Amino acid sequence: MSSDFEVYEQDFGTLTAEITNKVGRIPKLSGDDKKCMVANVEKQMEEARELLEQMDLEVREIPLQSRGLFSTRMKSYKQELEKLDKDFKRSRIAYSDEVNLRNELLGDDGNTSEKQLIKLREERACLLDNTERLERSTRRLEAGYQLTVETEQIGQGILENLHHDKEKIQRARERLRETDTNLGKSSRVLTGMLRRIIQNRILMFILGAIILLTIVLAIYFAVTGH
């Protein structure tokens, strides 16, 4: 698995380097050249997102206890792609667009005032600011979702461990019951054996007493001559 992840990492690094280079060139272009470059970058951005999805799937296959390092790297790559996306959006409306917009507004007759151009700049800045806020909110939602997923995975792992512990306790309880049953049987057997030993000793004492009495009587009758 880790070898596949490393291959995706290398492809992602190469792709983002190309995107960075092209994003830096977009403001200097105009017309069809700029449209072509923008379309190319959009395609590569989509490829980069697909690579991140593949990498994320690979990370999910890693055991939970070994996932921390890869999750940190994934977070870094996502932040890098977000920054590239932001730079890309800015580059599409950068210097060359401002020059074109200025020419369109002022025109040949010069009837459009500089205030209109400033107003449009402010509106564009406000739009960029709103876009950045939306991106920050999206990142927070994604971070919250990721935290929820990780928490769910940790909770699932804890539940699985508790289930295994419960099974172990149940097996130990069954063994204790079996041991208790065996001890009861052994106790009954030992009690029976002890009872027999006592009975045998009593019989031996009785037999010994009878034999001793018989000897005494024999001696008595032999002495008395009866």
Protein backbone atom coordinates (compact mmCIF):
# COMPACT_ATOMS: atom_id res chain seq x y z
CA MET A 1 0.00 0.00 0.00
CA SER A 2 2.70 2.49 0.97
CA SER A 3 4.40 2.03 -2.43
CA ASP A 4 1.17 3.07 -4.22
CA PHE A 5 0.86 6.08 -1.92
CA GLU A 6 4.43 7.14 -2.74
CA VAL A 7 3.72 6.88 -6.48
CA TYR A 8 0.67 9.11 -6.05
CA GLU A 9 2.80 11.53 -4.03
CA GLN A 10 5.37 11.81 -6.82
CA ASP A 11 2.66 12.36 -9.45
CA PHE A 12 1.01 14.98 -7.23
CA GLY A 13 4.31 16.82 -6.73
CA THR A 14 5.05 16.90 -10.47
CA LEU A 15 1.51 18.02 -11.30
CA THR A 16 1.40 20.82 -8.73
CA ALA A 17 4.78 22.11 -9.93
CA GLU A 18 3.41 22.36 -13.47
CA ILE A 19 0.24 24.08 -12.23
CA THR A 20 2.28 26.60 -10.21
CA ASN A 21 4.35 27.48 -13.29
CA LYS A 22 1.29 27.94 -15.50
CA VAL A 23 -0.63 29.94 -12.88
CA GLY A 24 2.27 32.39 -12.77
CA ARG A 25 2.11 32.82 -16.56
CA ILE A 26 -1.67 33.35 -16.87
CA PRO A 27 -1.74 37.08 -15.90
CA LYS A 28 0.74 37.86 -18.67
CA LEU A 29 -1.46 36.29 -21.35
CA SER A 30 -4.56 37.53 -23.11
CA GLY A 31 -7.16 36.40 -25.58
CA ASP A 32 -7.13 32.82 -26.84
CA ASP A 33 -3.73 32.10 -25.28
CA LYS A 34 -5.09 32.91 -21.86
CA LYS A 35 -8.27 30.88 -22.40
CA CYS A 36 -6.24 27.88 -23.51
CA MET A 37 -3.92 28.14 -20.52
CA VAL A 38 -6.85 28.52 -18.09
CA ALA A 39 -8.57 25.45 -19.54
CA ASN A 40 -5.33 23.47 -19.27
CA VAL A 41 -4.84 24.47 -15.64
CA GLU A 42 -8.47 23.61 -14.80
CA LYS A 43 -7.92 20.14 -16.23
CA GLN A 44 -4.73 19.67 -14.24
CA MET A 45 -6.41 20.92 -11.06
CA GLU A 46 -9.07 18.26 -11.52
CA GLU A 47 -6.37 15.63 -12.00
CA ALA A 48 -4.70 16.81 -8.78
CA ARG A 49 -7.99 16.47 -6.88
CA GLU A 50 -8.43 12.93 -8.22
CA LEU A 51 -4.89 12.08 -7.07
CA LEU A 52 -5.72 13.38 -3.59
CA GLU A 53 -8.85 11.22 -3.53
CA GLN A 54 -6.77 8.15 -4.46
CA MET A 55 -4.21 9.00 -1.77
CA ASP A 56 -6.99 9.47 0.78
CA LEU A 57 -8.40 6.03 -0.07
CA GLU A 58 -4.94 4.51 0.39
CA VAL A 59 -4.59 6.19 3.80
CA ARG A 60 -7.95 4.75 4.91
CA GLU A 61 -6.57 1.25 4.31
CA ILE A 62 -3.73 1.82 6.79
CA PRO A 63 -4.24 0.45 10.34
CA LEU A 64 -5.50 3.16 12.69
CA GLN A 65 -2.42 3.09 14.92
CA SER A 66 -0.10 3.78 11.93
CA ARG A 67 -2.26 6.34 10.15
CA GLY A 68 -1.11 9.53 11.91
CA LEU A 69 1.93 10.33 9.72
CA PHE A 70 0.06 9.75 6.45
CA SER A 71 -2.91 11.83 7.64
CA THR A 72 -0.56 14.73 8.38
CA ARG A 73 0.94 14.51 4.90
CA MET A 74 -2.53 14.39 3.36
CA LYS A 75 -3.54 17.52 5.27
CA SER A 76 -0.45 19.32 3.93
CA TYR A 77 -1.22 18.27 0.33
CA LYS A 78 -4.84 19.45 0.64
CA GLN A 79 -3.70 22.82 1.95
CA GLU A 80 -1.22 23.09 -0.92
CA LEU A 81 -3.94 22.39 -3.48
CA GLU A 82 -6.29 24.89 -1.84
CA LYS A 83 -3.59 27.57 -2.07
CA LEU A 84 -2.99 26.70 -5.73
CA ASP A 85 -6.71 26.97 -6.43
CA LYS A 86 -6.82 30.37 -4.75
CA ASP A 87 -3.78 31.59 -6.72
CA PHE A 88 -5.36 30.28 -9.90
CA LYS A 89 -8.56 32.24 -9.29
CA ARG A 90 -6.59 35.40 -8.59
CA SER A 91 -4.43 34.98 -11.68
CA ARG A 92 -7.48 34.83 -13.93
CA ILE A 93 -8.49 38.37 -13.03
CA ALA A 94 -5.03 39.85 -12.45
CA TYR A 95 -3.02 42.51 -14.29
CA SER A 96 -3.88 41.78 -17.90
CA ASP A 97 -7.61 41.74 -17.11
CA GLU A 98 -7.29 45.07 -15.35
CA VAL A 99 -5.60 46.59 -18.40
CA ASN A 100 -8.28 45.18 -20.72
CA LEU A 101 -11.03 46.37 -18.39
CA ARG A 102 -9.47 49.82 -18.23
CA ASN A 103 -9.35 50.07 -22.02
CA GLU A 104 -12.95 48.87 -22.34
CA LEU A 105 -14.20 51.37 -19.77
CA LEU A 106 -12.25 54.40 -20.99
CA GLY A 107 -12.55 53.61 -24.67
CA ASP A 108 -11.52 55.99 -27.35
CA ASP A 109 -13.85 58.77 -26.29
CA GLY A 110 -12.77 58.85 -22.64
CA ASN A 111 -16.35 59.34 -21.41
CA THR A 112 -16.15 56.74 -18.61
CA SER A 113 -14.76 58.15 -15.41
CA GLU A 114 -11.94 56.75 -13.29
CA LYS A 115 -14.45 56.38 -10.44
CA GLN A 116 -16.24 53.62 -12.30
CA LEU A 117 -13.00 51.71 -12.68
CA ILE A 118 -12.26 52.12 -8.96
CA LYS A 119 -15.78 50.95 -8.13
CA LEU A 120 -15.33 47.84 -10.25
CA ARG A 121 -12.01 47.14 -8.54
CA GLU A 122 -13.70 47.41 -5.16
CA GLU A 123 -16.51 45.09 -6.26
CA ARG A 124 -13.98 42.60 -7.54
CA ALA A 125 -12.01 42.77 -4.27
CA CYS A 126 -15.25 42.24 -2.34
CA LEU A 127 -16.04 39.23 -4.52
CA LEU A 128 -12.59 37.77 -3.86
CA ASP A 129 -13.02 38.38 -0.15
CA ASN A 130 -16.38 36.58 -0.15
CA THR A 131 -14.84 33.74 -2.11
CA GLU A 132 -12.05 33.41 0.44
CA ARG A 133 -14.60 33.37 3.28
CA LEU A 134 -16.52 30.64 1.51
CA GLU A 135 -13.31 28.64 1.04
CA ARG A 136 -12.43 29.02 4.73
CA SER A 137 -15.92 27.83 5.71
CA THR A 138 -15.58 24.90 3.34
CA ARG A 139 -12.21 23.99 4.87
CA ARG A 140 -13.72 24.15 8.36
CA LEU A 141 -16.55 21.87 7.28
CA GLU A 142 -14.11 19.44 5.69
CA ALA A 143 -11.93 19.49 8.84
CA GLY A 144 -15.02 18.87 10.98
CA TYR A 145 -16.08 16.01 8.73
CA GLN A 146 -12.59 14.51 8.85
CA LEU A 147 -12.57 14.79 12.64
CA THR A 148 -15.97 13.11 12.76
CA VAL A 149 -14.75 10.26 10.56
CA GLU A 150 -11.60 9.79 12.65
CA THR A 151 -13.63 9.90 15.87
CA GLU A 152 -16.03 7.33 14.45
CA GLN A 153 -13.11 5.09 13.49
CA ILE A 154 -11.57 5.43 16.96
CA GLY A 155 -14.96 4.69 18.55
CA GLN A 156 -15.38 1.65 16.32
CA GLY A 157 -11.93 0.43 17.35
CA ILE A 158 -12.81 0.90 21.02
CA LEU A 159 -16.08 -1.00 20.56
CA GLU A 160 -14.24 -3.84 18.84
CA ASN A 161 -11.71 -4.00 21.70
CA LEU A 162 -14.54 -4.00 24.24
CA HIS A 163 -16.24 -6.79 22.33
CA HIS A 164 -13.03 -8.85 22.36
CA ASP A 165 -12.58 -8.16 26.08
CA LYS A 166 -16.18 -9.23 26.72
CA GLU A 167 -15.57 -12.50 24.87
CA LYS A 168 -12.40 -13.10 26.92
CA ILE A 169 -14.27 -12.44 30.17
CA GLN A 170 -17.05 -14.80 29.14
CA ARG A 171 -14.55 -17.54 28.27
CA ALA A 172 -12.76 -16.99 31.59
CA ARG A 173 -16.11 -17.20 33.41
CA GLU A 174 -16.92 -20.48 31.65
CA ARG A 175 -13.52 -21.87 32.63
CA LEU A 176 -14.15 -20.82 36.24
CA ARG A 177 -17.51 -22.58 36.19
CA GLU A 178 -15.92 -25.72 34.78
CA THR A 179 -13.16 -25.52 37.40
CA ASP A 180 -15.74 -25.07 40.17
CA THR A 181 -17.68 -28.10 38.89
CA ASN A 182 -14.51 -30.19 38.75
CA LEU A 183 -13.56 -29.08 42.25
CA GLY A 184 -17.00 -30.12 43.51
CA LYS A 185 -16.62 -33.55 41.94
CA SER A 186 -13.11 -33.90 43.37
CA SER A 187 -14.38 -32.85 46.82
CA ARG A 188 -17.11 -35.50 46.71
CA VAL A 189 -14.63 -38.18 45.63
CA LEU A 190 -12.19 -37.23 48.41
CA THR A 191 -15.01 -37.22 50.97
CA GLY A 192 -16.04 -40.72 49.88
CA MET A 193 -12.45 -41.93 50.05
CA LEU A 194 -12.00 -40.46 53.55
CA ARG A 195 -15.23 -42.10 54.70
CA ARG A 196 -14.03 -45.47 53.42
CA ILE A 197 -10.64 -45.04 55.14
CA ILE A 198 -12.36 -44.28 58.45
CA GLN A 199 -14.66 -47.27 58.03
CA ASN A 200 -11.71 -49.52 57.23
CA ARG A 201 -9.83 -48.32 60.32
CA ILE A 202 -12.86 -48.91 62.53
CA LEU A 203 -13.15 -52.45 61.15
CA MET A 204 -9.46 -52.99 61.77
CA PHE A 205 -9.85 -51.84 65.41
CA ILE A 206 -12.86 -54.13 65.90
CA LEU A 207 -11.05 -57.09 64.35
CA GLY A 208 -7.98 -56.32 66.47
CA ALA A 209 -10.13 -56.18 69.60
CA ILE A 210 -11.83 -59.49 68.76
CA ILE A 211 -8.49 -61.18 68.11
CA LEU A 212 -7.05 -59.77 71.35
CA LEU A 213 -10.11 -60.92 73.30
CA THR A 214 -9.86 -64.38 71.74
CA ILE A 215 -6.18 -64.63 72.76
CA VAL A 216 -6.96 -63.51 76.32
CA LEU A 217 -9.79 -66.03 76.63
CA ALA A 218 -7.60 -68.80 75.24
CA ILE A 219 -4.87 -68.04 77.76
CA TYR A 220 -7.41 -67.87 80.57
CA PHE A 221 -8.96 -71.22 79.76
CA ALA A 222 -5.53 -72.78 79.32
CA VAL A 223 -4.43 -71.54 82.73
CA THR A 224 -7.59 -72.57 84.57
CA GLY A 225 -7.59 -75.94 82.92
CA HIS A 226 -11.17 -75.79 81.71
